[in-house]
Protein backbone atom coordinates (compact mmCIF):
# COMPACT_ATOMS: atom_id res chain seq x y z
CA MET A 1 -5.36 -7.71 -7.20
CA MET A 2 -6.85 -4.30 -6.49
CA ILE A 3 -4.68 -1.66 -4.82
CA PHE A 4 -5.70 1.46 -2.94
CA LEU A 5 -2.90 3.90 -2.09
CA SER A 6 -4.19 5.54 1.09
CA PRO A 7 -2.73 9.04 1.43
CA SER A 8 -0.86 10.08 4.54
CA ASN A 9 0.93 13.41 4.80
CA SER A 10 4.67 12.87 5.34
CA ASN A 11 8.08 14.03 4.18
CA LYS A 12 8.93 10.38 3.40
CA GLU A 13 8.91 9.04 -0.16
CA ILE A 14 7.33 5.67 -0.89
CA ASP A 15 7.14 3.65 -4.11
CA TYR A 16 5.61 0.28 -4.91
CA SER A 17 5.98 -2.43 -7.52
CA TYR A 18 3.82 -5.51 -7.90
CA ASP A 19 4.43 -9.08 -9.05
CA GLY A 20 1.47 -11.37 -8.56
CA PHE A 21 0.62 -11.17 -4.85
CA ASN A 22 4.05 -9.72 -4.00
CA VAL A 23 4.30 -6.05 -3.13
CA THR A 24 7.80 -4.54 -3.12
CA CYS A 25 8.11 -1.30 -1.21
CA MET A 26 10.86 1.29 -1.43
CA LEU A 27 10.96 3.85 1.38
CA ASP A 28 13.14 6.91 0.88
CA GLY A 29 15.02 5.08 -1.89
CA GLU A 30 15.80 2.06 0.30
CA LEU A 31 14.19 -1.35 0.10
CA TRP A 32 11.63 -1.63 2.92
CA GLY A 33 10.79 -5.16 1.85
CA THR A 34 8.85 -7.48 -0.40
CA PHE A 35 5.62 -8.67 1.14
CA ASP A 36 3.21 -11.38 0.04
CA ALA A 37 -0.31 -9.95 0.41
CA ARG A 38 -1.69 -13.45 1.06
CA ASP A 39 0.24 -13.53 4.35
CA TYR A 40 -1.76 -10.53 5.60
CA LEU A 41 -5.28 -11.55 4.56
CA ASN A 42 -7.80 -10.39 7.18
CA VAL A 43 -5.07 -9.43 9.68
CA SER A 44 -6.26 -6.63 11.91
CA PRO A 45 -5.46 -4.05 13.05
CA PHE A 46 -2.83 -2.66 10.73
CA SER A 47 -0.81 0.46 11.35
CA PRO A 48 2.22 2.01 9.68
CA ASP A 49 4.15 1.07 12.82
CA ASN A 50 3.74 -2.68 12.22
CA ASP A 51 6.71 -2.72 9.83
CA THR A 52 4.64 -3.35 6.72
CA PRO A 53 3.05 -0.88 4.32
CA PHE A 54 -0.33 -2.67 4.54
CA LEU A 55 -3.38 -0.98 6.04
CA SER A 56 -5.78 -3.79 5.11
CA VAL A 57 -5.93 -6.91 2.97
CA LYS A 58 -9.30 -8.46 2.16
CA GLU A 59 -10.55 -10.98 -0.37
CA ILE A 60 -13.82 -9.93 -2.01
CA ASP A 61 -15.41 -12.25 -4.57
CA GLY A 62 -12.07 -13.99 -5.08
CA VAL A 63 -10.15 -10.75 -5.67
CA TYR A 64 -7.61 -9.39 -3.18
CA HIS A 65 -8.19 -5.76 -2.17
CA VAL A 66 -5.04 -4.30 -0.65
CA GLU A 67 -4.81 -0.89 1.02
CA LEU A 68 -1.28 0.48 1.24
CA ILE A 69 0.05 3.58 2.95
CA ASN A 70 1.00 6.27 0.46
CA TYR A 71 3.07 9.11 1.85
CA ILE A 72 2.27 12.39 0.12
CA SER A 73 3.57 15.93 0.52
CA ASP A 74 1.56 19.09 1.15
CA ASN A 75 1.74 19.90 -2.57
CA ALA A 76 0.62 16.45 -3.77
CA LYS A 77 -1.45 16.15 -6.94
CA GLU A 78 -5.23 15.82 -6.60
CA SER A 79 -5.00 12.23 -7.88
CA GLU A 80 -2.67 11.42 -4.96
CA LYS A 81 -4.90 13.14 -2.41
CA TYR A 82 -8.07 11.45 -3.70
CA PRO A 83 -6.99 8.13 -5.26
CA ASP A 84 -9.08 5.45 -6.91
CA TRP A 85 -8.62 1.70 -6.68
CA ILE A 86 -6.23 0.37 -9.34
CA GLU A 87 -5.95 -3.14 -10.73
CA VAL A 88 -2.46 -4.64 -10.88
């Protein structure tokens, strides 16, 4: 699965862990939830208000590409402001 952490300026803190297709999200130190990316394949439109961290989930050549919201601060590192896709 490929992950893209899409930056969004916020004072919130968000962290992710991955297990297969499951994405566990911690928001401000509290469990937001564990989500199965397969349940969100090609669902549109996504927004941070839909109670999931997903912005998009697509399958390309048999590989899931998942875009997740990534809250960053004003003083975020360049790698957080301009992320690359990562394989998990």
